[in-house]
Every structure is written in C-alpha cells, then in structure tokens.
Amino acid sequence: MNIRCAKPEDLMNMQHCNLLCLPENYQMKYYFYHGLSWPQLSYVAEDEKGKIVGYVLAKMEEDQEELKHGHITSLAVKRSHRRLGLAQKLMDQASEAMVECFDAKYVSLHVRKSNRAALNLYKNSLKFETVEIEPKYYADGEDAYSMRRDLTEFAKRIKSLNEE
C-alpha cells in the first residue's frame, strides 16, 4: 500500500471510489476545485498495482473570523481495503499538510449520525470531538455531527523535525 499526494490524473478514480463508497457524491468540477486550490491537501491510497483504493479530499476554510483551519470534504476507502489503517493514514497525511503548508490549528468534518464506523474512526482513532449537531445537514434530511480535531500535536512534531 502506498499513500501519496493526489494528482490531477487521479481525480476521475477518486470520484469513482466516492461513487462506490458513499451516498454523498460530487461533480467532477468539485474535485478539480479542491485539486487546483489546495493541491497539497488531498491524498490517495494505492494498492500494489497502483489502483486507487481510497482517498481524502481536503481544503482550507477561508473564513477570516476564525482560526486557520482545514476541512475534510470527503474520505473513502473501498470495502476490500478497509480495516488496514488506510483511512487513518490518509487523514494524518492531510492533517500534517494543513499544518505544514497553511499553519492550520484544527481540522473539521461532518459525519452522518448513523455512520457508526466513521464515528468510531473519528472519535477513537483520530481523536475528533463533536462540536455540534447540524440538523438535516444531508440531502436526505439526516443530521450530521460537526466534528473537530486539534492539530497542536502535528505542529509540535513538525517543529521538532525541522529543528533536527
């Protein structure tokens, strides 16, 4: 398995992975928007043959009123490659890039209240905290948890690596 920064030629395969895995789907222009605006923040997971089996689509939020922070737009790993730690690695890569490139203080995301597997990953493995419930966030009317992960530890680790 290999985790690497997404390239423009990966966007179609990222969209395909999204369509296979998630009920929230995006038009290709949305992938291009992320890829062109924040090329250093989205990552793909490849299998031994170089096929994309997962991705994280991420961006920086541009609200000047708040602390600098990133947002995970979409995270997906194909069923055949789940429970291998790929989602955590993808999320950590994107989070590290947010700190390194943009000095992000935290990263946010939304998750369906019914998505127990994702909630377990975010809360237990990645240490996200629930900030609020957003009623009827999704197109089908389901509520979302708005979650946040502090990136202080990433900043400390990057700083110590740069000092060596």
C-alpha atoms as a PDB file:
ATOM      1  CA  MET A   1       0.000   0.000   0.000  1.00  0.00           C
ATOM      2  CA  ASN A   2       1.153   3.484  -0.815  1.00  0.00           C
ATOM      3  CA  ILE A   3      -0.193   6.865   0.328  1.00  0.00           C
ATOM      4  CA  ARG A   4       0.693   9.828  -1.876  1.00  0.00           C
ATOM      5  CA  CYS A   5      -0.490  13.306  -2.761  1.00  0.00           C
ATOM      6  CA  ALA A   6      -3.299  13.252  -5.321  1.00  0.00           C
ATOM      7  CA  LYS A   7      -2.513  14.399  -8.857  1.00  0.00           C
ATOM      8  CA  PRO A   8      -4.937  15.800 -11.465  1.00  0.00           C
ATOM      9  CA  GLU A   9      -4.944  12.462 -13.293  1.00  0.00           C
ATOM     10  CA  ASP A  10      -6.216  10.762 -10.087  1.00  0.00           C
ATOM     11  CA  LEU A  11      -9.409  12.810  -9.844  1.00  0.00           C
ATOM     12  CA  MET A  12     -11.569  10.506 -12.006  1.00  0.00           C
ATOM     13  CA  ASN A  13     -10.527   7.478  -9.945  1.00  0.00           C
ATOM     14  CA  MET A  14     -11.176   9.395  -6.719  1.00  0.00           C
ATOM     15  CA  GLN A  15     -14.687  10.193  -7.955  1.00  0.00           C
ATOM     16  CA  HIS A  16     -15.206   6.529  -8.886  1.00  0.00           C
ATOM     17  CA  CYS A  17     -14.135   5.473  -5.380  1.00  0.00           C
ATOM     18  CA  ASN A  18     -16.553   8.041  -3.949  1.00  0.00           C
ATOM     19  CA  LEU A  19     -19.440   6.679  -6.022  1.00  0.00           C
ATOM     20  CA  LEU A  20     -18.718   3.130  -4.839  1.00  0.00           C
ATOM     21  CA  CYS A  21     -18.405   4.017  -1.156  1.00  0.00           C
ATOM     22  CA  LEU A  22     -20.548   6.987  -0.175  1.00  0.00           C
ATOM     23  CA  PRO A  23     -24.072   8.368  -0.547  1.00  0.00           C
ATOM     24  CA  GLU A  24     -22.647  11.928  -0.846  1.00  0.00           C
ATOM     25  CA  ASN A  25     -21.367  12.321  -4.379  1.00  0.00           C
ATOM     26  CA  TYR A  26     -19.750  15.288  -6.082  1.00  0.00           C
ATOM     27  CA  GLN A  27     -19.471  16.524  -9.645  1.00  0.00           C
ATOM     28  CA  MET A  28     -16.028  16.377 -11.226  1.00  0.00           C
ATOM     29  CA  LYS A  29     -15.672  20.179 -11.043  1.00  0.00           C
ATOM     30  CA  TYR A  30     -15.683  19.899  -7.235  1.00  0.00           C
ATOM     31  CA  TYR A  31     -12.685  17.541  -7.327  1.00  0.00           C
ATOM     32  CA  PHE A  32     -10.898  19.935  -9.694  1.00  0.00           C
ATOM     33  CA  TYR A  33     -11.701  22.860  -7.386  1.00  0.00           C
ATOM     34  CA  HIS A  34     -10.002  21.083  -4.480  1.00  0.00           C
ATOM     35  CA  GLY A  35      -7.117  19.821  -6.604  1.00  0.00           C
ATOM     36  CA  LEU A  36      -6.368  23.224  -8.097  1.00  0.00           C
ATOM     37  CA  SER A  37      -6.970  25.332  -4.981  1.00  0.00           C
ATOM     38  CA  TRP A  38      -5.238  23.108  -2.404  1.00  0.00           C
ATOM     39  CA  PRO A  39      -3.134  20.566  -4.361  1.00  0.00           C
ATOM     40  CA  GLN A  40      -1.060  19.660  -1.304  1.00  0.00           C
ATOM     41  CA  LEU A  41      -4.034  18.605   0.873  1.00  0.00           C
ATOM     42  CA  SER A  42      -5.684  15.683  -0.931  1.00  0.00           C
ATOM     43  CA  TYR A  43      -4.190  12.188  -0.866  1.00  0.00           C
ATOM     44  CA  VAL A  44      -4.817   8.781  -2.395  1.00  0.00           C
ATOM     45  CA  ALA A  45      -4.136   5.243  -1.205  1.00  0.00           C
ATOM     46  CA  GLU A  46      -2.911   2.850  -3.897  1.00  0.00           C
ATOM     47  CA  ASP A  47      -2.778  -0.927  -3.876  1.00  0.00           C
ATOM     48  CA  GLU A  48       0.245  -2.932  -5.084  1.00  0.00           C
ATOM     49  CA  LYS A  49      -0.883  -2.497  -8.707  1.00  0.00           C
ATOM     50  CA  GLY A  50      -1.192   1.283  -8.415  1.00  0.00           C
ATOM     51  CA  LYS A  51      -5.021   1.224  -8.347  1.00  0.00           C
ATOM     52  CA  ILE A  52      -6.643   3.846  -6.128  1.00  0.00           C
ATOM     53  CA  VAL A  53      -8.444   2.155  -3.241  1.00  0.00           C
ATOM     54  CA  GLY A  54      -9.060   5.223  -1.080  1.00  0.00           C
ATOM     55  CA  TYR A  55      -8.733   8.981  -0.924  1.00  0.00           C
ATOM     56  CA  VAL A  56      -9.136  12.034   1.257  1.00  0.00           C
ATOM     57  CA  LEU A  57     -10.388  15.271  -0.314  1.00  0.00           C
ATOM     58  CA  ALA A  58      -9.453  18.243   1.850  1.00  0.00           C
ATOM     59  CA  LYS A  59      -9.361  22.033   1.762  1.00  0.00           C
ATOM     60  CA  MET A  60      -8.673  25.072   3.889  1.00  0.00           C
ATOM     61  CA  GLU A  61     -11.606  27.076   5.195  1.00  0.00           C
ATOM     62  CA  GLU A  62     -11.353  30.709   4.209  1.00  0.00           C
ATOM     63  CA  ASP A  63     -13.394  32.334   6.979  1.00  0.00           C
ATOM     64  CA  GLN A  64     -11.191  35.202   8.204  1.00  0.00           C
ATOM     65  CA  GLU A  65     -13.071  35.434  11.525  1.00  0.00           C
ATOM     66  CA  GLU A  66     -11.914  32.038  12.790  1.00  0.00           C
ATOM     67  CA  LEU A  67      -8.576  30.389  13.464  1.00  0.00           C
ATOM     68  CA  LYS A  68      -6.894  28.951  10.374  1.00  0.00           C
ATOM     69  CA  HIS A  69      -8.326  25.507   9.862  1.00  0.00           C
ATOM     70  CA  GLY A  70      -8.778  22.795   7.311  1.00  0.00           C
ATOM     71  CA  HIS A  71     -11.835  20.780   6.398  1.00  0.00           C
ATOM     72  CA  ILE A  72     -12.186  17.182   5.274  1.00  0.00           C
ATOM     73  CA  THR A  73     -14.669  17.265   2.419  1.00  0.00           C
ATOM     74  CA  SER A  74     -14.668  13.526   1.769  1.00  0.00           C
ATOM     75  CA  LEU A  75     -12.879  10.374   2.932  1.00  0.00           C
ATOM     76  CA  ALA A  76     -13.449   6.955   1.388  1.00  0.00           C
ATOM     77  CA  VAL A  77     -11.742   3.564   1.328  1.00  0.00           C
ATOM     78  CA  LYS A  78     -13.063   0.701  -0.803  1.00  0.00           C
ATOM     79  CA  ARG A  79     -14.631  -2.132   1.212  1.00  0.00           C
ATOM     80  CA  SER A  80     -11.956  -4.572   0.038  1.00  0.00           C
ATOM     81  CA  HIS A  81      -9.260  -2.440   1.698  1.00  0.00           C
ATOM     82  CA  ARG A  82     -10.921  -1.372   4.944  1.00  0.00           C
ATOM     83  CA  ARG A  83      -9.558  -2.124   8.418  1.00  0.00           C
ATOM     84  CA  LEU A  84      -5.965  -1.793   7.183  1.00  0.00           C
ATOM     85  CA  GLY A  85      -5.368   1.650   8.682  1.00  0.00           C
ATOM     86  CA  LEU A  86      -5.618   3.451   5.335  1.00  0.00           C
ATOM     87  CA  ALA A  87      -8.280   5.945   6.429  1.00  0.00           C
ATOM     88  CA  GLN A  88      -6.182   6.945   9.429  1.00  0.00           C
ATOM     89  CA  LYS A  89      -3.053   7.323   7.287  1.00  0.00           C
ATOM     90  CA  LEU A  90      -4.920   9.419   4.713  1.00  0.00           C
ATOM     91  CA  MET A  91      -6.367  11.657   7.431  1.00  0.00           C
ATOM     92  CA  ASP A  92      -2.992  12.062   9.141  1.00  0.00           C
ATOM     93  CA  GLN A  93      -1.283  12.996   5.850  1.00  0.00           C
ATOM     94  CA  ALA A  94      -3.910  15.624   5.071  1.00  0.00           C
ATOM     95  CA  SER A  95      -3.776  16.998   8.631  1.00  0.00           C
ATOM     96  CA  GLU A  96       0.012  17.198   8.576  1.00  0.00           C
ATOM     97  CA  ALA A  97      -0.062  19.032   5.226  1.00  0.00           C
ATOM     98  CA  MET A  98      -2.615  21.518   6.617  1.00  0.00           C
ATOM     99  CA  VAL A  99      -0.233  22.370   9.446  1.00  0.00           C
ATOM    100  CA  GLU A 100       2.922  22.388   7.342  1.00  0.00           C
ATOM    101  CA  CYS A 101       1.569  24.388   4.399  1.00  0.00           C
ATOM    102  CA  PHE A 102      -1.065  26.616   5.989  1.00  0.00           C
ATOM    103  CA  ASP A 103      -0.364  26.624   9.741  1.00  0.00           C
ATOM    104  CA  ALA A 104      -3.819  25.152  10.436  1.00  0.00           C
ATOM    105  CA  LYS A 105      -4.831  24.962  14.098  1.00  0.00           C
ATOM    106  CA  TYR A 106      -7.554  22.351  13.669  1.00  0.00           C
ATOM    107  CA  VAL A 107      -9.399  20.320  11.058  1.00  0.00           C
ATOM    108  CA  SER A 108     -13.176  19.922  10.835  1.00  0.00           C
ATOM    109  CA  LEU A 109     -15.551  17.500   9.155  1.00  0.00           C
ATOM    110  CA  HIS A 110     -19.179  16.401   9.046  1.00  0.00           C
ATOM    111  CA  VAL A 111     -20.365  12.836   9.508  1.00  0.00           C
ATOM    112  CA  ARG A 112     -23.796  11.237   9.377  1.00  0.00           C
ATOM    113  CA  LYS A 113     -25.238  10.451  12.803  1.00  0.00           C
ATOM    114  CA  SER A 114     -25.959   6.925  11.553  1.00  0.00           C
ATOM    115  CA  ASN A 115     -22.410   6.209  10.303  1.00  0.00           C
ATOM    116  CA  ARG A 116     -21.122   4.229  13.286  1.00  0.00           C
ATOM    117  CA  ALA A 117     -17.940   3.002  11.593  1.00  0.00           C
ATOM    118  CA  ALA A 118     -16.861   6.531  10.656  1.00  0.00           C
ATOM    119  CA  LEU A 119     -17.794   7.869  14.094  1.00  0.00           C
ATOM    120  CA  ASN A 120     -15.664   5.178  15.718  1.00  0.00           C
ATOM    121  CA  LEU A 121     -12.704   6.080  13.479  1.00  0.00           C
ATOM    122  CA  TYR A 122     -13.038   9.812  14.076  1.00  0.00           C
ATOM    123  CA  LYS A 123     -13.650   9.692  17.836  1.00  0.00           C
ATOM    124  CA  ASN A 124     -11.498   6.769  18.951  1.00  0.00           C
ATOM    125  CA  SER A 125      -8.648   6.526  16.455  1.00  0.00           C
ATOM    126  CA  LEU A 126      -8.280  10.122  15.288  1.00  0.00           C
ATOM    127  CA  LYS A 127      -9.410  11.939  18.461  1.00  0.00           C
ATOM    128  CA  PHE A 128     -12.014  14.185  16.850  1.00  0.00           C
ATOM    129  CA  GLU A 129     -14.503  15.822  19.206  1.00  0.00           C
ATOM    130  CA  THR A 130     -18.139  16.552  18.438  1.00  0.00           C
ATOM    131  CA  VAL A 131     -18.760  20.299  18.292  1.00  0.00           C
ATOM    132  CA  GLU A 132     -22.467  20.320  17.462  1.00  0.00           C
ATOM    133  CA  ILE A 133     -25.272  18.515  15.687  1.00  0.00           C
ATOM    134  CA  GLU A 134     -26.343  20.096  12.404  1.00  0.00           C
ATOM    135  CA  PRO A 135     -30.000  19.191  11.770  1.00  0.00           C
ATOM    136  CA  LYS A 136     -30.936  17.984   8.287  1.00  0.00           C
ATOM    137  CA  TYR A 137     -27.383  18.590   7.010  1.00  0.00           C
ATOM    138  CA  TYR A 138     -27.572  15.914   4.310  1.00  0.00           C
ATOM    139  CA  ALA A 139     -29.771  15.989   1.192  1.00  0.00           C
ATOM    140  CA  ASP A 140     -31.882  13.094   2.516  1.00  0.00           C
ATOM    141  CA  GLY A 141     -32.598  15.026   5.731  1.00  0.00           C
ATOM    142  CA  GLU A 142     -30.243  13.128   8.045  1.00  0.00           C
ATOM    143  CA  ASP A 143     -28.488  15.092  10.783  1.00  0.00           C
ATOM    144  CA  ALA A 144     -24.709  15.447  10.872  1.00  0.00           C
ATOM    145  CA  TYR A 145     -22.220  15.669  13.672  1.00  0.00           C
ATOM    146  CA  SER A 146     -19.881  18.589  13.148  1.00  0.00           C
ATOM    147  CA  MET A 147     -16.517  17.382  14.465  1.00  0.00           C
ATOM    148  CA  ARG A 148     -13.119  18.932  15.078  1.00  0.00           C
ATOM    149  CA  ARG A 149      -9.574  17.646  15.628  1.00  0.00           C
ATOM    150  CA  ASP A 150      -6.938  19.801  17.273  1.00  0.00           C
ATOM    151  CA  LEU A 151      -3.684  19.875  15.270  1.00  0.00           C
ATOM    152  CA  THR A 152      -1.348  21.071  18.041  1.00  0.00           C
ATOM    153  CA  GLU A 153       0.437  17.701  18.230  1.00  0.00           C
ATOM    154  CA  PHE A 154       1.111  17.743  14.483  1.00  0.00           C
ATOM    155  CA  ALA A 155       2.533  21.266  14.794  1.00  0.00           C
ATOM    156  CA  LYS A 156       4.839  20.197  17.649  1.00  0.00           C
ATOM    157  CA  ARG A 157       6.061  17.157  15.719  1.00  0.00           C
ATOM    158  CA  ILE A 158       6.739  19.192  12.572  1.00  0.00           C
ATOM    159  CA  LYS A 159       8.555  21.864  14.575  1.00  0.00           C
ATOM    160  CA  SER A 160      10.793  19.295  16.291  1.00  0.00           C
ATOM    161  CA  LEU A 161      11.608  17.622  12.936  1.00  0.00           C
ATOM    162  CA  ASN A 162      12.555  20.991  11.450  1.00  0.00           C
ATOM    163  CA  GLU A 163      14.865  21.719  14.392  1.00  0.00           C
ATOM    164  CA  GLU A 164      16.838  18.485  13.938  1.00  0.00           C
END
